[in-house]
Amino acid sequence: MELNTIIGFIAVAFGLYTLVARQLAPHQFAKLGPMKEKFGDRGGFVVHFLGYTFMPLIIGGVLLYKAFALGDF
């Protein structure tokens, strides 16, 4: 297994964890509070969601897509 495959799995797992944990245990996110203070409630949530959920899922998905040769880039 290549390093990119491992990183892809870890990134997808992290993205899924933050997606689920944000709903079940929002108190676990120490950086969410300061982001909400700086950008407002909605803005802080969006910045946190993009950085800690969306981007890891996208990057991990692309790495796994390339690793398993499901497409050409």
PDB file of N, CA and C in Angstrom:
ATOM      1  N   MET A   1       0.845  -1.167   0.000  1.00  0.00           N
ATOM      2  CA  MET A   1       0.000   0.000   0.000  1.00  0.00           C
ATOM      3  C   MET A   1       0.898   1.240   0.000  1.00  0.00           C
ATOM      4  N   GLU A   2       0.589   2.170  -0.875  1.00  0.00           N
ATOM      5  CA  GLU A   2       1.392   3.371  -0.996  1.00  0.00           C
ATOM      6  C   GLU A   2       1.007   4.407   0.057  1.00  0.00           C
ATOM      7  N   LEU A   3       1.901   5.364   0.235  1.00  0.00           N
ATOM      8  CA  LEU A   3       1.677   6.418   1.221  1.00  0.00           C
ATOM      9  C   LEU A   3       0.433   7.242   0.886  1.00  0.00           C
ATOM     10  N   ASN A   4       0.219   7.544  -0.391  1.00  0.00           N
ATOM     11  CA  ASN A   4      -0.957   8.326  -0.773  1.00  0.00           C
ATOM     12  C   ASN A   4      -2.256   7.597  -0.449  1.00  0.00           C
ATOM     13  N   THR A   5      -2.255   6.285  -0.540  1.00  0.00           N
ATOM     14  CA  THR A   5      -3.437   5.503  -0.195  1.00  0.00           C
ATOM     15  C   THR A   5      -3.722   5.610   1.298  1.00  0.00           C
ATOM     16  N   ILE A   6      -2.685   5.500   2.101  1.00  0.00           N
ATOM     17  CA  ILE A   6      -2.833   5.609   3.557  1.00  0.00           C
ATOM     18  C   ILE A   6      -3.324   6.998   3.936  1.00  0.00           C
ATOM     19  N   ILE A   7      -2.719   8.026   3.349  1.00  0.00           N
ATOM     20  CA  ILE A   7      -3.135   9.397   3.626  1.00  0.00           C
ATOM     21  C   ILE A   7      -4.583   9.607   3.187  1.00  0.00           C
ATOM     22  N   GLY A   8      -4.954   9.035   2.059  1.00  0.00           N
ATOM     23  CA  GLY A   8      -6.330   9.140   1.579  1.00  0.00           C
ATOM     24  C   GLY A   8      -7.325   8.535   2.555  1.00  0.00           C
ATOM     25  N   PHE A   9      -7.024   7.331   3.050  1.00  0.00           N
ATOM     26  CA  PHE A   9      -7.911   6.697   4.025  1.00  0.00           C
ATOM     27  C   PHE A   9      -7.999   7.511   5.312  1.00  0.00           C
ATOM     28  N   ILE A  10      -6.873   8.018   5.782  1.00  0.00           N
ATOM     29  CA  ILE A  10      -6.869   8.820   7.009  1.00  0.00           C
ATOM     30  C   ILE A  10      -7.661  10.099   6.820  1.00  0.00           C
ATOM     31  N   ALA A  11      -7.492  10.761   5.677  1.00  0.00           N
ATOM     32  CA  ALA A  11      -8.220  12.006   5.415  1.00  0.00           C
ATOM     33  C   ALA A  11      -9.730  11.764   5.346  1.00  0.00           C
ATOM     34  N   VAL A  12     -10.139  10.705   4.673  1.00  0.00           N
ATOM     35  CA  VAL A  12     -11.568  10.394   4.590  1.00  0.00           C
ATOM     36  C   VAL A  12     -12.111  10.034   5.974  1.00  0.00           C
ATOM     37  N   ALA A  13     -11.372   9.257   6.735  1.00  0.00           N
ATOM     38  CA  ALA A  13     -11.810   8.891   8.086  1.00  0.00           C
ATOM     39  C   ALA A  13     -11.942  10.130   8.969  1.00  0.00           C
ATOM     40  N   PHE A  14     -10.981  11.040   8.879  1.00  0.00           N
ATOM     41  CA  PHE A  14     -11.032  12.271   9.668  1.00  0.00           C
ATOM     42  C   PHE A  14     -12.223  13.125   9.263  1.00  0.00           C
ATOM     43  N   GLY A  15     -12.453  13.257   7.964  1.00  0.00           N
ATOM     44  CA  GLY A  15     -13.590  14.033   7.486  1.00  0.00           C
ATOM     45  C   GLY A  15     -14.921  13.452   7.943  1.00  0.00           C
ATOM     46  N   LEU A  16     -15.045  12.135   7.878  1.00  0.00           N
ATOM     47  CA  LEU A  16     -16.277  11.488   8.342  1.00  0.00           C
ATOM     48  C   LEU A  16     -16.440  11.622   9.852  1.00  0.00           C
ATOM     49  N   TYR A  17     -15.330  11.504  10.582  1.00  0.00           N
ATOM     50  CA  TYR A  17     -15.376  11.672  12.040  1.00  0.00           C
ATOM     51  C   TYR A  17     -15.885  13.064  12.406  1.00  0.00           C
ATOM     52  N   THR A  18     -15.314  14.100  11.774  1.00  0.00           N
ATOM     53  CA  THR A  18     -15.736  15.457  12.114  1.00  0.00           C
ATOM     54  C   THR A  18     -17.187  15.706  11.695  1.00  0.00           C
ATOM     55  N   LEU A  19     -17.610  15.093  10.608  1.00  0.00           N
ATOM     56  CA  LEU A  19     -18.990  15.244  10.161  1.00  0.00           C
ATOM     57  C   LEU A  19     -19.962  14.679  11.195  1.00  0.00           C
ATOM     58  N   VAL A  20     -19.659  13.493  11.707  1.00  0.00           N
ATOM     59  CA  VAL A  20     -20.538  12.840  12.685  1.00  0.00           C
ATOM     60  C   VAL A  20     -20.381  13.472  14.067  1.00  0.00           C
ATOM     61  N   ALA A  21     -19.157  13.721  14.483  1.00  0.00           N
ATOM     62  CA  ALA A  21     -18.914  14.249  15.834  1.00  0.00           C
ATOM     63  C   ALA A  21     -19.478  15.654  16.001  1.00  0.00           C
ATOM     64  N   ARG A  22     -19.523  16.426  14.942  1.00  0.00           N
ATOM     65  CA  ARG A  22     -20.086  17.779  15.028  1.00  0.00           C
ATOM     66  C   ARG A  22     -21.558  17.714  15.435  1.00  0.00           C
ATOM     67  N   GLN A  23     -22.242  16.669  15.032  1.00  0.00           N
ATOM     68  CA  GLN A  23     -23.650  16.509  15.381  1.00  0.00           C
ATOM     69  C   GLN A  23     -23.830  15.895  16.770  1.00  0.00           C
ATOM     70  N   LEU A  24     -22.975  14.933  17.110  1.00  0.00           N
ATOM     71  CA  LEU A  24     -23.143  14.192  18.360  1.00  0.00           C
ATOM     72  C   LEU A  24     -22.451  14.841  19.560  1.00  0.00           C
ATOM     73  N   ALA A  25     -21.291  15.457  19.335  1.00  0.00           N
ATOM     74  CA  ALA A  25     -20.517  16.028  20.440  1.00  0.00           C
ATOM     75  C   ALA A  25     -19.802  17.305  19.997  1.00  0.00           C
ATOM     76  N   PRO A  26     -20.547  18.382  19.775  1.00  0.00           N
ATOM     77  CA  PRO A  26     -19.921  19.611  19.274  1.00  0.00           C
ATOM     78  C   PRO A  26     -18.928  20.237  20.257  1.00  0.00           C
ATOM     79  N   HIS A  27     -19.003  19.861  21.525  1.00  0.00           N
ATOM     80  CA  HIS A  27     -18.066  20.399  22.518  1.00  0.00           C
ATOM     81  C   HIS A  27     -16.640  19.889  22.323  1.00  0.00           C
ATOM     82  N   GLN A  28     -16.438  18.878  21.486  1.00  0.00           N
ATOM     83  CA  GLN A  28     -15.104  18.333  21.247  1.00  0.00           C
ATOM     84  C   GLN A  28     -14.257  19.210  20.328  1.00  0.00           C
ATOM     85  N   PHE A  29     -14.846  20.185  19.682  1.00  0.00           N
ATOM     86  CA  PHE A  29     -14.132  21.007  18.716  1.00  0.00           C
ATOM     87  C   PHE A  29     -13.661  22.296  19.368  1.00  0.00           C
ATOM     88  N   ALA A  30     -12.420  22.290  19.831  1.00  0.00           N
ATOM     89  CA  ALA A  30     -11.860  23.438  20.546  1.00  0.00           C
ATOM     90  C   ALA A  30     -11.688  24.652  19.635  1.00  0.00           C
ATOM     91  N   LYS A  31     -11.447  24.441  18.359  1.00  0.00           N
ATOM     92  CA  LYS A  31     -11.201  25.558  17.448  1.00  0.00           C
ATOM     93  C   LYS A  31     -12.493  26.160  16.895  1.00  0.00           C
ATOM     94  N   LEU A  32     -13.606  25.479  17.067  1.00  0.00           N
ATOM     95  CA  LEU A  32     -14.873  25.977  16.538  1.00  0.00           C
ATOM     96  C   LEU A  32     -15.318  27.242  17.273  1.00  0.00           C
ATOM     97  N   GLY A  33     -15.164  27.271  18.578  1.00  0.00           N
ATOM     98  CA  GLY A  33     -15.555  28.445  19.369  1.00  0.00           C
ATOM     99  C   GLY A  33     -14.813  29.707  18.951  1.00  0.00           C
ATOM    100  N   PRO A  34     -13.470  29.671  18.898  1.00  0.00           N
ATOM    101  CA  PRO A  34     -12.743  30.866  18.450  1.00  0.00           C
ATOM    102  C   PRO A  34     -13.085  31.275  17.012  1.00  0.00           C
ATOM    103  N   MET A  35     -13.355  30.304  16.147  1.00  0.00           N
ATOM    104  CA  MET A  35     -13.738  30.647  14.773  1.00  0.00           C
ATOM    105  C   MET A  35     -15.092  31.342  14.751  1.00  0.00           C
ATOM    106  N   LYS A  36     -16.013  30.890  15.604  1.00  0.00           N
ATOM    107  CA  LYS A  36     -17.323  31.537  15.670  1.00  0.00           C
ATOM    108  C   LYS A  36     -17.193  32.949  16.232  1.00  0.00           C
ATOM    109  N   GLU A  37     -16.282  33.145  17.187  1.00  0.00           N
ATOM    110  CA  GLU A  37     -16.060  34.485  17.735  1.00  0.00           C
ATOM    111  C   GLU A  37     -15.482  35.424  16.681  1.00  0.00           C
ATOM    112  N   LYS A  38     -14.581  34.915  15.867  1.00  0.00           N
ATOM    113  CA  LYS A  38     -13.913  35.753  14.868  1.00  0.00           C
ATOM    114  C   LYS A  38     -14.799  36.028  13.653  1.00  0.00           C
ATOM    115  N   PHE A  39     -15.506  35.015  13.159  1.00  0.00           N
ATOM    116  CA  PHE A  39     -16.266  35.134  11.918  1.00  0.00           C
ATOM    117  C   PHE A  39     -17.778  35.181  12.124  1.00  0.00           C
ATOM    118  N   GLY A  40     -18.244  35.120  13.345  1.00  0.00           N
ATOM    119  CA  GLY A  40     -19.680  35.036  13.613  1.00  0.00           C
ATOM    120  C   GLY A  40     -20.101  33.575  13.662  1.00  0.00           C
ATOM    121  N   ASP A  41     -21.308  33.325  14.127  1.00  0.00           N
ATOM    122  CA  ASP A  41     -21.764  31.934  14.284  1.00  0.00           C
ATOM    123  C   ASP A  41     -21.779  31.176  12.961  1.00  0.00           C
ATOM    124  N   ARG A  42     -22.437  31.742  11.970  1.00  0.00           N
ATOM    125  CA  ARG A  42     -22.550  31.049  10.694  1.00  0.00           C
ATOM    126  C   ARG A  42     -21.207  30.994   9.964  1.00  0.00           C
ATOM    127  N   GLY A  43     -20.497  32.110   9.931  1.00  0.00           N
ATOM    128  CA  GLY A  43     -19.204  32.160   9.253  1.00  0.00           C
ATOM    129  C   GLY A  43     -18.190  31.225   9.879  1.00  0.00           C
ATOM    130  N   GLY A  44     -18.148  31.181  11.204  1.00  0.00           N
ATOM    131  CA  GLY A  44     -17.229  30.283  11.902  1.00  0.00           C
ATOM    132  C   GLY A  44     -17.535  28.829  11.630  1.00  0.00           C
ATOM    133  N   PHE A  45     -18.832  28.514  11.602  1.00  0.00           N
ATOM    134  CA  PHE A  45     -19.238  27.145  11.295  1.00  0.00           C
ATOM    135  C   PHE A  45     -18.818  26.769   9.877  1.00  0.00           C
ATOM    136  N   VAL A  46     -19.033  27.683   8.926  1.00  0.00           N
ATOM    137  CA  VAL A  46     -18.700  27.400   7.528  1.00  0.00           C
ATOM    138  C   VAL A  46     -17.193  27.214   7.358  1.00  0.00           C
ATOM    139  N   VAL A  47     -16.397  28.102   7.951  1.00  0.00           N
ATOM    140  CA  VAL A  47     -14.937  27.980   7.851  1.00  0.00           C
ATOM    141  C   VAL A  47     -14.473  26.667   8.471  1.00  0.00           C
ATOM    142  N   HIS A  48     -15.009  26.331   9.633  1.00  0.00           N
ATOM    143  CA  HIS A  48     -14.633  25.084  10.313  1.00  0.00           C
ATOM    144  C   HIS A  48     -15.061  23.875   9.489  1.00  0.00           C
ATOM    145  N   PHE A  49     -16.275  23.901   8.956  1.00  0.00           N
ATOM    146  CA  PHE A  49     -16.774  22.796   8.139  1.00  0.00           C
ATOM    147  C   PHE A  49     -15.907  22.599   6.898  1.00  0.00           C
ATOM    148  N   LEU A  50     -15.586  23.686   6.216  1.00  0.00           N
ATOM    149  CA  LEU A  50     -14.773  23.578   5.005  1.00  0.00           C
ATOM    150  C   LEU A  50     -13.376  23.042   5.310  1.00  0.00           C
ATOM    151  N   GLY A  51     -12.764  23.539   6.362  1.00  0.00           N
ATOM    152  CA  GLY A  51     -11.391  23.142   6.676  1.00  0.00           C
ATOM    153  C   GLY A  51     -11.241  21.773   7.305  1.00  0.00           C
ATOM    154  N   TYR A  52     -12.214  21.371   8.104  1.00  0.00           N
ATOM    155  CA  TYR A  52     -12.062  20.132   8.867  1.00  0.00           C
ATOM    156  C   TYR A  52     -12.945  18.983   8.394  1.00  0.00           C
ATOM    157  N   THR A  53     -13.892  19.248   7.512  1.00  0.00           N
ATOM    158  CA  THR A  53     -14.755  18.178   7.014  1.00  0.00           C
ATOM    159  C   THR A  53     -14.697  18.078   5.491  1.00  0.00           C
ATOM    160  N   PHE A  54     -15.037  19.159   4.821  1.00  0.00           N
ATOM    161  CA  PHE A  54     -15.138  19.138   3.364  1.00  0.00           C
ATOM    162  C   PHE A  54     -13.792  18.876   2.691  1.00  0.00           C
ATOM    163  N   MET A  55     -12.783  19.648   3.044  1.00  0.00           N
ATOM    164  CA  MET A  55     -11.478  19.497   2.386  1.00  0.00           C
ATOM    165  C   MET A  55     -10.851  18.115   2.628  1.00  0.00           C
ATOM    166  N   PRO A  56     -10.848  17.592   3.865  1.00  0.00           N
ATOM    167  CA  PRO A  56     -10.302  16.235   4.032  1.00  0.00           C
ATOM    168  C   PRO A  56     -11.055  15.179   3.218  1.00  0.00           C
ATOM    169  N   LEU A  57     -12.384  15.312   3.126  1.00  0.00           N
ATOM    170  CA  LEU A  57     -13.149  14.351   2.325  1.00  0.00           C
ATOM    171  C   LEU A  57     -12.791  14.456   0.849  1.00  0.00           C
ATOM    172  N   ILE A  58     -12.655  15.662   0.345  1.00  0.00           N
ATOM    173  CA  ILE A  58     -12.330  15.848  -1.070  1.00  0.00           C
ATOM    174  C   ILE A  58     -10.911  15.369  -1.361  1.00  0.00           C
ATOM    175  N   ILE A  59      -9.950  15.809  -0.555  1.00  0.00           N
ATOM    176  CA  ILE A  59      -8.545  15.421  -0.783  1.00  0.00           C
ATOM    177  C   ILE A  59      -8.378  13.916  -0.630  1.00  0.00           C
ATOM    178  N   GLY A  60      -8.957  13.345   0.427  1.00  0.00           N
ATOM    179  CA  GLY A  60      -8.871  11.895   0.625  1.00  0.00           C
ATOM    180  C   GLY A  60      -9.531  11.132  -0.498  1.00  0.00           C
ATOM    181  N   GLY A  61     -10.686  11.617  -0.955  1.00  0.00           N
ATOM    182  CA  GLY A  61     -11.374  10.964  -2.057  1.00  0.00           C
ATOM    183  C   GLY A  61     -10.566  10.986  -3.342  1.00  0.00           C
ATOM    184  N   VAL A  62      -9.936  12.110  -3.629  1.00  0.00           N
ATOM    185  CA  VAL A  62      -9.107  12.213  -4.836  1.00  0.00           C
ATOM    186  C   VAL A  62      -7.898  11.291  -4.736  1.00  0.00           C
ATOM    187  N   LEU A  63      -7.262  11.265  -3.582  1.00  0.00           N
ATOM    188  CA  LEU A  63      -6.105  10.378  -3.408  1.00  0.00           C
ATOM    189  C   LEU A  63      -6.498   8.915  -3.570  1.00  0.00           C
ATOM    190  N   LEU A  64      -7.617   8.516  -3.005  1.00  0.00           N
ATOM    191  CA  LEU A  64      -8.068   7.132  -3.142  1.00  0.00           C
ATOM    192  C   LEU A  64      -8.507   6.832  -4.571  1.00  0.00           C
ATOM    193  N   TYR A  65      -9.144   7.791  -5.202  1.00  0.00           N
ATOM    194  CA  TYR A  65      -9.562   7.631  -6.596  1.00  0.00           C
ATOM    195  C   TYR A  65      -8.351   7.367  -7.480  1.00  0.00           C
ATOM    196  N   LYS A  66      -7.293   8.155  -7.264  1.00  0.00           N
ATOM    197  CA  LYS A  66      -6.072   7.969  -8.045  1.00  0.00           C
ATOM    198  C   LYS A  66      -5.350   6.673  -7.664  1.00  0.00           C
ATOM    199  N   ALA A  67      -5.359   6.333  -6.390  1.00  0.00           N
ATOM    200  CA  ALA A  67      -4.644   5.146  -5.925  1.00  0.00           C
ATOM    201  C   ALA A  67      -5.234   3.859  -6.489  1.00  0.00           C
ATOM    202  N   PHE A  68      -6.537   3.833  -6.636  1.00  0.00           N
ATOM    203  CA  PHE A  68      -7.182   2.634  -7.135  1.00  0.00           C
ATOM    204  C   PHE A  68      -7.447   2.700  -8.637  1.00  0.00           C
ATOM    205  N   ALA A  69      -6.844   3.682  -9.300  1.00  0.00           N
ATOM    206  CA  ALA A  69      -6.882   3.812 -10.765  1.00  0.00           C
ATOM    207  C   ALA A  69      -8.292   3.778 -11.329  1.00  0.00           C
ATOM    208  N   LEU A  70      -9.165   4.488 -10.641  1.00  0.00           N
ATOM    209  CA  LEU A  70     -10.544   4.565 -11.126  1.00  0.00           C
ATOM    210  C   LEU A  70     -10.709   5.657 -12.171  1.00  0.00           C
ATOM    211  N   GLY A  71      -9.660   6.409 -12.384  1.00  0.00           N
ATOM    212  CA  GLY A  71      -9.747   7.474 -13.375  1.00  0.00           C
ATOM    213  C   GLY A  71      -8.377   8.034 -13.681  1.00  0.00           C
ATOM    214  N   ASP A  72      -8.318   8.775 -14.757  1.00  0.00           N
ATOM    215  CA  ASP A  72      -7.078   9.420 -15.149  1.00  0.00           C
ATOM    216  C   ASP A  72      -7.152  10.910 -14.866  1.00  0.00           C
ATOM    217  N   PHE A  73      -6.077  11.439 -14.311  1.00  0.00           N
ATOM    218  CA  PHE A  73      -5.994  12.888 -14.072  1.00  0.00           C
ATOM    219  C   PHE A  73      -4.877  13.439 -14.921  1.00  0.00           C
TER     220      PHE A  73
END
